Amino acid sequence: MTATNHKADVVVIGGGLAGIAAALELLDHQKSVIIIDRAPEDRFGGLARKSFGGIFIVGSPEQKRAGIRDSVDLALRDWISFGELGQRDVWPRRWAESYIAASHDDVYRWLKNRGVTFFPVVHWVERGLHQPGNSVPRFHMVWGTGQGLMLALIEKLHTHPRKDRLQLAFRHRVTGLIDSNGRFTGCRGIDESTRREFTAIGENVVIAAGGIGGNLDLVRSHWYKPWGEPPENMVNGSHPEADGQLHQIVADRGGRVVNLEKMWNYAAGVHHWRPEHEHHGISLVPPKSALWVNYEGRRMGPPAMVTAFDTRYLVETICRQKKKYSWQILNWKIARKELAVSGSEFNHAIRDKKRIAFLATLLFGNQNLVRDFVDNCQDFVTARSIDELARKMNELTGTPDVDAGLLTEEISRYDAAIARGPALHNDDQLRRIAHARQYRGDRIRTCKFARINDSNAMPLIAIREFILVRKSLGGIETDLESRVLNDAGEALPGLYAVGEAAGFGGGGIHGLRSLEGTFLGGCIFSGRLAGQSISKG
């Protein structure tokens, strides 16, 4: 069967946010581009299209209107602290410095100029626990979630003044890179819709194919060794195309791949009841007022397990248990106010830009969301008593692990701490809730010291939660022009890597932890830098 041949100035492998940002930059500089994407066209936009749509920005108008005093120096200090970046982390530090300094003009303003708008209240996440995190709120939510972000940028591609210089090839799987006279000039692979071979030839190649999170076997092989063996059961919050094949292809051709043991996973994953791929998971935003217990019903910590402070600590704590999954125990009242999902799929009001509906969920809670999960998600159980709840938890797992007496004791102790009143609250979780509620962005979404075993808030709910694999913090090492480097630190001619494929810049811009919102921002920033570097070269 005859091979299909494509030609353009630049071959971009991957149609997610980083690849699209690179393509827009290249079109702006009058370059012709072909985007090679393994996914079908209806998934153009990649994982970013499914995301919550939060972007880390320093010095935004939204911050200033809220009286939040931020600075590049403060943000860099937080970044280095939270990621535990040392002097050996040369490229991650350089990338962090560059991103933070440019986030307002090269990410925020660039998006605003392309029709992307932001929610007026900035979210405050990853505040830090043992390592100081975000000193101030920096998580800027796109109005329309990640879907709105990607649809806006895809529209800019389709309506670009030089759209005749853009080619899109979907369901194309890359199996190798092509070089000519010592320079990377294209790729080869299979068109999975026709089973024909194809080649795509240009003057430069940009790898924008995502991370390794879609390949759970590869995740396990690179598991962070200090945590012991990886969990037996994990859910996948990435997508199957993020299988690490391009990382291996680049490594085989002399590129340096680093830090793959550094992952940004989430602690509160549940099974999707409409799975699009194997082990498809949903990432819950863990309710702050829920009691987080291990597989036996024993409360974990100290420090208390509370979201928005240190996601890595939550994952690590669960992974140190004998059985590496957990439960959150709450009631209907807490769930109605606090249960949330990270992503565009279940945030209908924000995704569809329905302001009144969104305000209603803030004021009155999201009863429909709770009902949807209780009725459909296999990891939710409800009961009218703690004994009944423990029985149903054990029925779900098929083991007698949950000790009803222990669970009752843990809940009773927590509820008694609440009953003593705020002046006598000496529970770490209650202190963190009080701290969170001081910020208006959290106050409206966090209960004011809600007891678990409350007859007026029934039924009780237990959520079985698994580690959800999401993002790769490591990847292909690159310089500040997104050029792929070899083991000697030299740029490979014609080869670039951007977005998650490059650890969001430099092979691991974050270090051990992310301040959140830095993934989408890193995709835009690294993609634009690749486009600029190619265009000026």
Protein backbone atom coordinates (compact mmCIF):
# COMPACT_ATOMS: atom_id res chain seq x y z
CA MET A 1 0.00 0.00 0.00
CA THR A 2 1.40 3.41 -1.01
CA ALA A 3 2.65 5.60 1.83
CA THR A 4 1.19 9.06 2.37
CA ASN A 5 3.70 11.91 2.40
CA HIS A 6 3.12 15.23 4.15
CA LYS A 7 5.32 18.32 3.92
CA ALA A 8 5.45 21.56 5.92
CA ASP A 9 8.07 23.85 7.39
CA VAL A 10 7.50 22.35 10.84
CA VAL A 11 6.14 18.97 11.95
CA VAL A 12 4.36 19.14 15.33
CA ILE A 13 3.75 15.73 16.91
CA GLY A 14 0.80 16.07 19.29
CA GLY A 15 -2.41 18.08 19.14
CA GLY A 16 -2.76 19.12 22.77
CA LEU A 17 -2.33 22.58 24.27
CA ALA A 18 1.45 22.70 23.83
CA GLY A 19 1.29 21.60 20.20
CA ILE A 20 -1.49 24.05 19.41
CA ALA A 21 0.37 26.91 21.12
CA ALA A 22 3.47 26.09 19.07
CA ALA A 23 1.42 25.92 15.86
CA LEU A 24 -0.24 29.29 16.50
CA GLU A 25 3.15 30.89 17.15
CA LEU A 26 4.58 29.37 13.98
CA LEU A 27 1.63 30.52 11.87
CA ASP A 28 2.02 34.00 13.32
CA HIS A 29 5.59 33.90 12.00
CA GLN A 30 4.48 32.73 8.54
CA LYS A 31 5.64 29.15 8.89
CA SER A 32 3.66 26.25 7.46
CA VAL A 33 2.75 23.57 10.01
CA ILE A 34 1.40 20.04 10.11
CA ILE A 35 0.04 18.74 13.41
CA ILE A 36 0.24 14.95 13.72
CA ASP A 37 -2.16 13.67 16.40
CA ARG A 38 -2.83 10.06 17.36
CA ALA A 39 -6.29 10.84 18.78
CA PRO A 40 -9.41 11.30 16.60
CA GLU A 41 -10.48 14.80 15.62
CA ASP A 42 -13.26 14.99 18.23
CA ARG A 43 -10.54 14.84 20.92
CA PHE A 44 -8.40 17.58 19.37
CA GLY A 45 -6.98 19.57 22.27
CA GLY A 46 -5.76 16.63 24.33
CA LEU A 47 -5.88 16.35 28.09
CA ALA A 48 -6.16 20.13 28.51
CA ARG A 49 -9.63 19.97 26.97
CA LYS A 50 -10.75 17.74 29.87
CA SER A 51 -9.07 19.86 32.55
CA PHE A 52 -10.46 22.23 35.16
CA GLY A 53 -8.72 25.06 33.32
CA GLY A 54 -6.61 26.60 36.09
CA ILE A 55 -3.52 28.60 35.15
CA PHE A 56 -0.74 29.88 37.43
CA ILE A 57 -0.29 33.62 36.84
CA VAL A 58 1.77 36.16 38.77
CA GLY A 59 0.64 39.79 38.95
CA SER A 60 -2.73 39.49 37.22
CA PRO A 61 -5.49 42.13 37.26
CA GLU A 62 -7.67 39.60 39.14
CA GLN A 63 -5.07 39.40 41.91
CA LYS A 64 -4.73 43.17 42.08
CA ARG A 65 -8.50 43.74 42.25
CA ALA A 66 -8.66 41.31 45.17
CA GLY A 67 -5.85 43.10 46.99
CA ILE A 68 -3.45 40.17 46.53
CA ARG A 69 0.10 41.51 46.47
CA ASP A 70 2.23 39.13 44.46
CA SER A 71 5.64 39.42 42.86
CA VAL A 72 8.05 37.49 40.68
CA ASP A 73 10.49 37.16 43.58
CA LEU A 74 7.84 35.79 45.94
CA ALA A 75 6.52 33.34 43.36
CA LEU A 76 10.01 32.07 42.55
CA ARG A 77 10.77 31.56 46.23
CA ASP A 78 7.54 29.57 46.61
CA TRP A 79 8.25 27.53 43.49
CA ILE A 80 11.79 26.56 44.51
CA SER A 81 10.66 25.78 48.06
CA PHE A 82 7.68 23.64 47.10
CA GLY A 83 9.50 21.77 44.35
CA GLU A 84 12.58 21.35 46.54
CA LEU A 85 14.72 22.44 43.61
CA GLY A 86 18.42 22.32 44.35
CA GLN A 87 21.46 23.79 42.64
CA ARG A 88 21.81 20.67 40.50
CA ASP A 89 18.38 21.32 38.97
CA VAL A 90 19.86 23.73 36.46
CA TRP A 91 17.30 23.62 33.67
CA PRO A 92 14.24 23.32 35.93
CA ARG A 93 15.34 26.43 37.85
CA ARG A 94 16.01 28.38 34.66
CA TRP A 95 12.63 27.38 33.27
CA ALA A 96 10.89 28.30 36.54
CA GLU A 97 12.55 31.73 36.55
CA SER A 98 11.58 32.34 32.93
CA TYR A 99 7.99 31.14 33.29
CA ILE A 100 7.29 33.16 36.42
CA ALA A 101 8.73 36.34 34.92
CA ALA A 102 6.75 35.88 31.70
CA SER A 103 3.49 34.37 32.96
CA HIS A 104 1.54 37.64 32.86
CA ASP A 105 2.57 38.87 29.42
CA ASP A 106 3.32 35.65 27.55
CA VAL A 107 0.54 33.47 28.97
CA TYR A 108 -2.21 35.60 30.55
CA ARG A 109 -2.22 38.47 28.03
CA TRP A 110 -1.65 36.08 25.13
CA LEU A 111 -4.78 34.16 26.12
CA LYS A 112 -6.85 37.29 26.75
CA ASN A 113 -5.93 38.52 23.27
CA ARG A 114 -7.34 35.27 21.92
CA GLY A 115 -10.71 35.55 23.60
CA VAL A 116 -10.03 33.56 26.78
CA THR A 117 -11.53 35.02 29.97
CA PHE A 118 -11.01 34.18 33.63
CA PHE A 119 -13.16 33.75 36.70
CA PRO A 120 -12.82 36.88 38.88
CA VAL A 121 -11.90 35.05 42.11
CA VAL A 122 -8.39 33.56 42.14
CA HIS A 123 -8.18 30.13 43.81
CA TRP A 124 -5.66 29.35 46.53
CA VAL A 125 -4.28 25.83 46.26
CA GLU A 126 -1.06 24.08 47.30
CA ARG A 127 -0.48 26.41 50.23
CA GLY A 128 2.17 24.09 51.58
CA LEU A 129 2.58 21.81 54.57
CA HIS A 130 6.11 20.74 55.47
CA GLN A 131 7.39 22.73 52.49
CA PRO A 132 6.03 26.29 52.02
CA GLY A 133 3.85 26.53 48.91
CA ASN A 134 1.76 29.29 47.37
CA SER A 135 2.06 32.30 49.69
CA VAL A 136 -0.90 33.89 47.90
CA PRO A 137 -3.66 32.72 45.50
CA ARG A 138 -2.42 32.28 41.91
CA PHE A 139 -4.73 29.64 40.37
CA HIS A 140 -6.72 31.50 37.69
CA MET A 141 -9.74 29.56 36.48
CA VAL A 142 -10.64 29.89 32.81
CA TRP A 143 -14.30 30.77 32.40
CA GLY A 144 -15.42 27.77 30.39
CA THR A 145 -12.91 25.33 32.00
CA GLY A 146 -10.26 23.60 29.91
CA GLN A 147 -12.84 22.93 27.23
CA GLY A 148 -13.47 26.65 26.78
CA LEU A 149 -9.73 27.29 26.67
CA MET A 150 -9.10 24.71 23.98
CA LEU A 151 -12.14 25.53 21.87
CA ALA A 152 -11.02 29.17 21.82
CA LEU A 153 -7.51 28.27 20.65
CA ILE A 154 -8.73 25.68 18.14
CA GLU A 155 -11.02 28.34 16.71
CA LYS A 156 -7.98 30.63 16.36
CA LEU A 157 -6.24 27.90 14.38
CA HIS A 158 -9.19 27.40 12.05
CA THR A 159 -9.68 31.15 11.48
CA HIS A 160 -6.01 32.15 11.38
CA PRO A 161 -5.13 34.51 8.51
CA ARG A 162 -2.61 31.88 7.38
CA LYS A 163 -4.83 28.84 7.94
CA ASP A 164 -3.95 27.66 4.43
CA ARG A 165 -0.49 26.88 5.83
CA LEU A 166 -1.90 24.49 8.44
CA GLN A 167 -2.47 20.75 7.98
CA LEU A 168 -4.08 18.46 10.54
CA ALA A 169 -3.58 14.70 10.52
CA PHE A 170 -5.60 12.76 13.10
CA ARG A 171 -5.32 9.10 14.13
CA HIS A 172 -1.69 9.12 13.02
CA ARG A 173 0.69 7.16 15.26
CA VAL A 174 4.36 8.13 15.07
CA THR A 175 6.79 5.21 15.12
CA GLY A 176 10.07 6.95 14.32
CA LEU A 177 11.89 10.19 13.65
CA ILE A 178 13.56 11.10 10.36
CA ASP A 179 16.87 12.93 10.07
CA SER A 180 18.84 14.27 7.17
CA ASN A 181 22.49 15.34 7.24
CA GLY A 182 22.54 15.37 11.03
CA ARG A 183 19.29 17.33 11.44
CA PHE A 184 15.87 16.08 12.47
CA THR A 185 13.48 16.77 9.62
CA GLY A 186 10.35 14.72 10.19
CA CYS A 187 8.67 11.56 11.38
CA ARG A 188 7.18 8.34 10.09
CA GLY A 189 4.32 6.23 11.33
CA ILE A 190 0.96 4.61 10.68
CA ASP A 191 -2.33 6.24 9.75
CA GLU A 192 -4.54 4.16 12.04
CA SER A 193 -7.70 5.04 10.10
CA THR A 194 -6.38 3.59 6.81
CA ARG A 195 -3.50 1.40 8.08
CA ARG A 196 -1.24 3.15 5.57
CA GLU A 197 2.27 4.22 6.42
CA PHE A 198 2.95 7.93 6.35
CA THR A 199 5.86 10.35 6.50
CA ALA A 200 5.80 14.00 7.49
CA ILE A 201 8.80 16.05 6.39
CA GLY A 202 9.84 19.56 7.40
CA GLU A 203 12.78 21.64 8.53
CA ASN A 204 12.11 21.12 12.25
CA VAL A 205 10.20 18.70 14.49
CA VAL A 206 8.35 19.57 17.71
CA ILE A 207 7.50 16.76 20.15
CA ALA A 208 4.25 17.67 21.94
CA ALA A 209 2.94 14.17 22.60
CA GLY A 210 2.20 14.41 26.33
CA GLY A 211 3.59 12.41 29.24
CA ILE A 212 3.62 8.77 30.33
CA GLY A 213 0.47 8.74 32.50
CA GLY A 214 -1.60 6.80 29.99
CA ASN A 215 0.69 3.79 30.36
CA LEU A 216 0.21 2.43 33.88
CA ASP A 217 2.87 -0.24 33.36
CA LEU A 218 5.40 2.48 32.54
CA VAL A 219 4.24 4.52 35.54
CA ARG A 220 4.82 1.50 37.78
CA SER A 221 8.28 0.90 36.34
CA HIS A 222 9.24 4.49 37.15
CA TRP A 223 7.46 4.61 40.53
CA TYR A 224 9.11 6.83 43.14
CA LYS A 225 11.21 4.27 45.04
CA PRO A 226 11.07 5.86 48.55
CA TRP A 227 7.31 5.12 48.53
CA GLY A 228 7.86 1.40 48.10
CA GLU A 229 5.85 -0.63 45.63
CA PRO A 230 3.23 1.19 43.55
CA PRO A 231 -0.44 0.71 44.46
CA GLU A 232 -1.94 -2.50 43.16
CA ASN A 233 -4.94 -0.57 41.82
CA MET A 234 -4.71 2.88 40.29
CA VAL A 235 -7.07 4.80 38.05
CA ASN A 236 -6.02 6.66 34.94
CA GLY A 237 -6.77 10.37 34.71
CA SER A 238 -4.57 10.80 31.67
CA HIS A 239 -5.33 9.43 28.19
CA PRO A 240 -4.09 6.28 26.45
CA GLU A 241 -2.07 8.18 23.83
CA ALA A 242 0.24 9.42 26.61
CA ASP A 243 2.11 6.13 26.55
CA GLY A 244 5.74 7.29 26.63
CA GLN A 245 6.56 5.93 23.17
CA LEU A 246 7.89 9.28 21.95
CA HIS A 247 10.10 9.56 25.04
CA GLN A 248 11.71 6.25 24.11
CA ILE A 249 12.05 7.22 20.45
CA VAL A 250 13.79 10.48 21.44
CA ALA A 251 16.05 8.66 23.92
CA ASP A 252 17.00 6.12 21.25
CA ARG A 253 17.99 8.99 18.97
CA GLY A 254 20.26 10.66 21.54
CA GLY A 255 17.89 12.91 23.47
CA ARG A 256 18.08 13.00 27.26
CA VAL A 257 14.98 11.90 29.20
CA VAL A 258 15.01 12.68 32.93
CA ASN A 259 12.91 12.67 36.11
CA LEU A 260 10.26 10.17 34.99
CA GLU A 261 9.93 9.01 38.60
CA LYS A 262 8.46 12.42 39.41
CA MET A 263 4.73 12.30 38.83
CA TRP A 264 1.91 14.65 39.81
CA ASN A 265 -0.81 12.23 40.80
CA TYR A 266 -3.95 12.78 42.86
CA ALA A 267 -5.20 11.07 45.99
CA ALA A 268 -8.95 11.05 45.34
CA GLY A 269 -9.54 9.12 42.15
CA VAL A 270 -12.74 7.13 41.54
CA HIS A 271 -13.89 4.95 38.66
CA HIS A 272 -15.69 6.58 35.74
CA TRP A 273 -19.03 4.88 35.10
CA ARG A 274 -18.81 5.82 31.41
CA PRO A 275 -15.18 4.84 30.76
CA GLU A 276 -13.52 5.97 27.55
CA HIS A 277 -10.47 3.76 28.12
CA GLU A 278 -9.17 1.11 30.51
CA HIS A 279 -8.99 2.15 34.19
CA HIS A 280 -10.58 5.51 33.35
CA GLY A 281 -10.70 7.58 36.53
CA ILE A 282 -12.30 10.78 37.75
CA SER A 283 -10.31 13.14 39.97
CA LEU A 284 -12.43 14.41 42.86
CA VAL A 285 -11.53 17.61 44.67
CA PRO A 286 -11.48 16.07 48.17
CA PRO A 287 -14.02 17.70 50.52
CA LYS A 288 -12.11 19.49 53.28
CA SER A 289 -14.70 18.60 55.93
CA ALA A 290 -14.65 14.86 55.20
CA LEU A 291 -12.73 12.55 57.50
CA TRP A 292 -9.97 10.78 55.56
CA VAL A 293 -9.33 7.20 56.75
CA ASN A 294 -7.27 4.26 55.52
CA TYR A 295 -8.47 0.85 54.40
CA GLU A 296 -9.21 -0.15 58.03
CA GLY A 297 -11.19 2.98 58.88
CA ARG A 298 -8.27 4.53 60.78
CA ARG A 299 -7.81 8.28 60.39
CA MET A 300 -4.57 9.14 58.60
CA GLY A 301 -2.05 11.72 59.78
CA PRO A 302 -0.95 13.84 61.50
CA PRO A 303 -0.73 16.24 59.81
CA ALA A 304 -4.38 16.04 58.89
CA MET A 305 -5.33 14.99 55.39
CA VAL A 306 -6.88 18.14 53.95
CA THR A 307 -6.84 19.19 50.32
CA ALA A 308 -5.36 22.48 49.00
CA PHE A 309 -2.19 22.31 51.12
CA ASP A 310 0.09 19.61 49.68
CA THR A 311 -1.23 17.08 47.18
CA ARG A 312 2.00 15.10 47.24
CA TYR A 313 1.66 14.61 51.00
CA LEU A 314 -1.82 13.14 50.50
CA VAL A 315 -0.57 10.68 47.87
CA GLU A 316 2.51 9.76 49.90
CA THR A 317 0.51 9.14 53.09
CA ILE A 318 -1.86 6.77 51.29
CA CYS A 319 1.03 4.99 49.59
CA ARG A 320 2.65 4.29 52.97
CA GLN A 321 -0.39 2.24 54.06
CA LYS A 322 -0.41 -1.54 53.79
CA LYS A 323 -3.26 -1.28 51.28
CA LYS A 324 -2.77 1.79 49.12
CA TYR A 325 -6.25 3.20 48.77
CA SER A 326 -8.37 5.29 51.13
CA TRP A 327 -11.86 6.36 52.15
CA GLN A 328 -13.36 9.76 52.77
CA ILE A 329 -16.24 9.76 55.24
CA LEU A 330 -18.79 12.57 55.09
CA ASN A 331 -22.52 13.18 54.97
CA TRP A 332 -24.97 14.53 52.44
CA LYS A 333 -24.81 18.08 53.80
CA ILE A 334 -21.02 18.22 53.49
CA ALA A 335 -21.07 16.61 50.06
CA ARG A 336 -23.70 19.03 48.74
CA LYS A 337 -21.53 22.01 49.65
CA GLU A 338 -18.00 20.68 49.15
CA LEU A 339 -17.96 17.79 46.68
CA ALA A 340 -16.33 18.89 43.43
CA VAL A 341 -14.66 17.30 40.45
CA SER A 342 -11.48 18.42 38.74
CA GLY A 343 -12.25 18.73 35.06
CA SER A 344 -14.66 20.08 32.51
CA GLU A 345 -16.99 17.08 32.26
CA PHE A 346 -18.85 17.51 35.57
CA ASN A 347 -18.59 21.30 35.92
CA HIS A 348 -21.45 22.06 33.58
CA ALA A 349 -22.22 25.56 34.78
CA ILE A 350 -18.63 26.81 34.46
CA ARG A 351 -17.93 24.84 31.30
CA ASP A 352 -21.07 26.10 29.58
CA LYS A 353 -20.58 29.64 30.99
CA LYS A 354 -23.92 29.72 32.84
CA ARG A 355 -23.32 32.36 35.50
CA ILE A 356 -26.64 32.09 37.30
CA ALA A 357 -26.45 28.29 37.50
CA PHE A 358 -22.89 28.52 38.80
CA LEU A 359 -23.83 31.06 41.48
CA ALA A 360 -26.73 28.83 42.51
CA THR A 361 -24.36 25.89 43.14
CA LEU A 362 -22.17 28.14 45.28
CA LEU A 363 -25.08 29.43 47.34
CA PHE A 364 -27.19 26.29 47.64
CA GLY A 365 -24.76 23.46 46.96
CA ASN A 366 -24.57 21.04 44.06
CA GLN A 367 -27.19 18.44 44.91
CA ASN A 368 -27.35 17.16 41.34
CA LEU A 369 -23.64 16.38 41.29
CA VAL A 370 -23.85 14.46 44.57
CA ARG A 371 -26.87 12.50 43.35
CA ASP A 372 -25.09 11.69 40.07
CA PHE A 373 -22.12 10.16 41.88
CA VAL A 374 -24.13 8.38 44.57
CA ASP A 375 -26.38 6.82 41.96
CA ASN A 376 -23.72 5.91 39.40
CA CYS A 377 -20.19 5.71 40.77
CA GLN A 378 -19.23 2.27 42.09
CA ASP A 379 -16.96 3.84 44.74
CA PHE A 380 -19.75 5.64 46.64
CA VAL A 381 -21.78 3.97 49.42
CA THR A 382 -24.42 5.53 51.70
CA ALA A 383 -25.94 4.51 55.03
CA ARG A 384 -27.97 5.78 57.98
CA SER A 385 -25.54 4.60 60.65
CA ILE A 386 -21.82 4.07 61.04
CA ASP A 387 -22.27 0.32 61.51
CA GLU A 388 -24.25 0.08 58.29
CA LEU A 389 -21.69 2.25 56.50
CA ALA A 390 -18.80 0.03 57.62
CA ARG A 391 -20.69 -3.06 56.47
CA LYS A 392 -21.29 -1.57 53.03
CA MET A 393 -17.67 -0.47 52.75
CA ASN A 394 -16.56 -4.05 53.39
CA GLU A 395 -19.14 -5.40 50.94
CA LEU A 396 -17.75 -3.07 48.28
CA THR A 397 -14.15 -4.23 48.73
CA GLY A 398 -15.02 -7.86 49.44
CA THR A 399 -12.89 -7.82 52.59
CA PRO A 400 -13.59 -7.37 56.32
CA ASP A 401 -10.91 -4.67 56.60
CA VAL A 402 -13.03 -1.79 57.91
CA ASP A 403 -13.46 -2.10 61.67
CA ALA A 404 -16.84 -0.59 62.57
CA GLY A 405 -15.73 0.06 66.15
CA LEU A 406 -12.57 1.84 65.04
CA LEU A 407 -14.46 3.92 62.47
CA THR A 408 -17.05 4.89 65.10
CA GLU A 409 -14.30 5.94 67.49
CA GLU A 410 -12.53 8.08 64.87
CA ILE A 411 -15.75 9.84 63.84
CA SER A 412 -16.87 10.35 67.46
CA ARG A 413 -13.53 11.87 68.44
CA TYR A 414 -13.65 14.31 65.50
CA ASP A 415 -17.27 15.27 66.13
CA ALA A 416 -16.53 15.81 69.84
CA ALA A 417 -13.68 18.18 68.92
CA ILE A 418 -16.13 20.23 66.85
CA ALA A 419 -18.71 20.23 69.65
CA ARG A 420 -16.25 21.86 72.06
CA GLY A 421 -16.47 25.03 70.01
CA PRO A 422 -13.99 27.09 67.95
CA ALA A 423 -12.25 28.51 71.00
CA LEU A 424 -11.21 24.97 72.00
CA HIS A 425 -10.59 23.46 68.56
CA ASN A 426 -7.34 21.55 68.93
CA ASP A 427 -7.66 19.34 65.87
CA ASP A 428 -5.32 19.95 62.93
CA GLN A 429 -8.07 19.45 60.36
CA LEU A 430 -10.30 22.02 62.06
CA ARG A 431 -7.42 24.50 62.18
CA ARG A 432 -6.85 24.05 58.46
CA ILE A 433 -10.55 24.48 57.73
CA ALA A 434 -10.56 27.67 59.77
CA HIS A 435 -7.53 28.91 57.86
CA ALA A 436 -9.10 28.08 54.49
CA ARG A 437 -12.34 29.85 55.39
CA GLN A 438 -10.50 33.10 56.04
CA TYR A 439 -10.10 33.47 52.25
CA ARG A 440 -13.32 34.37 50.46
CA GLY A 441 -12.57 32.02 47.57
CA ASP A 442 -12.79 29.07 50.00
CA ARG A 443 -15.31 30.32 52.56
CA ILE A 444 -18.32 29.90 50.32
CA ARG A 445 -17.26 26.34 49.33
CA THR A 446 -16.25 25.05 52.78
CA CYS A 447 -18.55 24.05 55.64
CA LYS A 448 -18.19 25.80 58.97
CA PHE A 449 -17.03 22.90 61.19
CA ALA A 450 -19.55 20.26 60.11
CA ARG A 451 -19.95 17.10 62.23
CA ILE A 452 -19.91 13.80 60.37
CA ASN A 453 -22.46 11.75 62.36
CA ASP A 454 -25.22 14.37 62.27
CA SER A 455 -28.83 13.15 62.15
CA ASN A 456 -29.83 16.35 60.33
CA ALA A 457 -27.29 15.80 57.56
CA MET A 458 -27.93 12.19 56.59
CA PRO A 459 -27.24 9.93 54.86
CA LEU A 460 -23.62 9.18 55.64
CA ILE A 461 -21.40 8.75 52.58
CA ALA A 462 -18.16 6.81 52.19
CA ILE A 463 -16.06 7.36 49.07
CA ARG A 464 -13.46 4.75 48.17
CA GLU A 465 -10.57 6.62 46.57
CA PHE A 466 -7.59 5.42 44.56
CA ILE A 467 -4.40 7.10 43.43
CA LEU A 468 -5.23 8.75 40.11
CA VAL A 469 -2.35 8.96 37.63
CA ARG A 470 -2.39 12.31 35.92
CA LYS A 471 0.74 14.24 34.92
CA SER A 472 4.42 13.55 34.34
CA LEU A 473 6.71 16.06 36.05
CA GLY A 474 9.71 14.69 34.16
CA GLY A 475 10.38 14.28 30.48
CA ILE A 476 12.67 15.24 27.61
CA GLU A 477 15.33 17.71 28.74
CA THR A 478 15.27 21.03 26.86
CA ASP A 479 16.97 24.41 26.94
CA LEU A 480 15.10 27.72 27.14
CA GLU A 481 14.34 27.58 23.43
CA SER A 482 12.66 24.17 23.88
CA ARG A 483 15.49 22.49 21.95
CA VAL A 484 16.07 18.85 22.90
CA LEU A 485 19.41 18.27 24.64
CA ASN A 486 21.66 15.24 24.61
CA ASP A 487 23.67 13.81 27.51
CA ALA A 488 26.45 16.32 26.83
CA GLY A 489 24.02 19.22 27.12
CA GLU A 490 24.12 19.96 23.39
CA ALA A 491 21.00 20.77 21.36
CA LEU A 492 19.97 18.18 18.77
CA PRO A 493 19.55 20.12 15.50
CA GLY A 494 15.96 20.49 14.41
CA LEU A 495 14.39 18.71 17.39
CA TYR A 496 12.20 20.44 20.00
CA ALA A 497 10.03 19.22 22.87
CA VAL A 498 7.24 21.09 24.61
CA GLY A 499 4.54 20.70 27.23
CA GLU A 500 4.25 17.53 29.28
CA ALA A 501 6.59 15.67 26.93
CA ALA A 502 9.32 17.99 28.22
CA GLY A 503 8.21 17.91 31.87
CA PHE A 504 6.49 21.22 31.03
CA GLY A 505 9.94 22.66 30.32
CA GLY A 506 13.53 21.62 30.89
CA GLY A 507 12.70 18.00 31.63
CA GLY A 508 11.02 18.89 34.92
CA ILE A 509 10.27 22.54 35.61
CA HIS A 510 8.47 21.75 38.87
CA GLY A 511 10.81 19.53 40.84
CA LEU A 512 8.94 17.28 43.28
CA ARG A 513 5.72 19.31 43.53
CA SER A 514 3.61 21.64 41.46
CA LEU A 515 2.07 24.89 42.65
CA GLU A 516 -0.86 23.92 40.36
CA GLY A 517 -1.99 25.79 37.28
CA THR A 518 1.58 25.42 36.09
CA PHE A 519 0.71 22.59 33.69
CA LEU A 520 -1.51 24.50 31.27
CA GLY A 521 0.71 27.55 31.68
CA GLY A 522 3.84 25.50 31.03
CA CYS A 523 2.31 24.03 27.86
CA ILE A 524 1.54 27.47 26.45
CA PHE A 525 4.89 28.95 27.46
CA SER A 526 7.09 26.12 26.17
CA GLY A 527 5.07 25.77 22.97
CA ARG A 528 5.37 29.47 22.21
CA LEU A 529 9.12 29.44 22.93
CA ALA A 530 9.61 26.57 20.47
CA GLY A 531 7.68 28.46 17.81
CA GLN A 532 9.68 31.63 18.40
CA SER A 533 13.01 29.79 18.36
CA ILE A 534 12.22 28.01 15.10
CA SER A 535 10.95 31.19 13.49
CA LYS A 536 14.02 33.26 14.29
CA GLY A 537 16.38 30.46 13.30
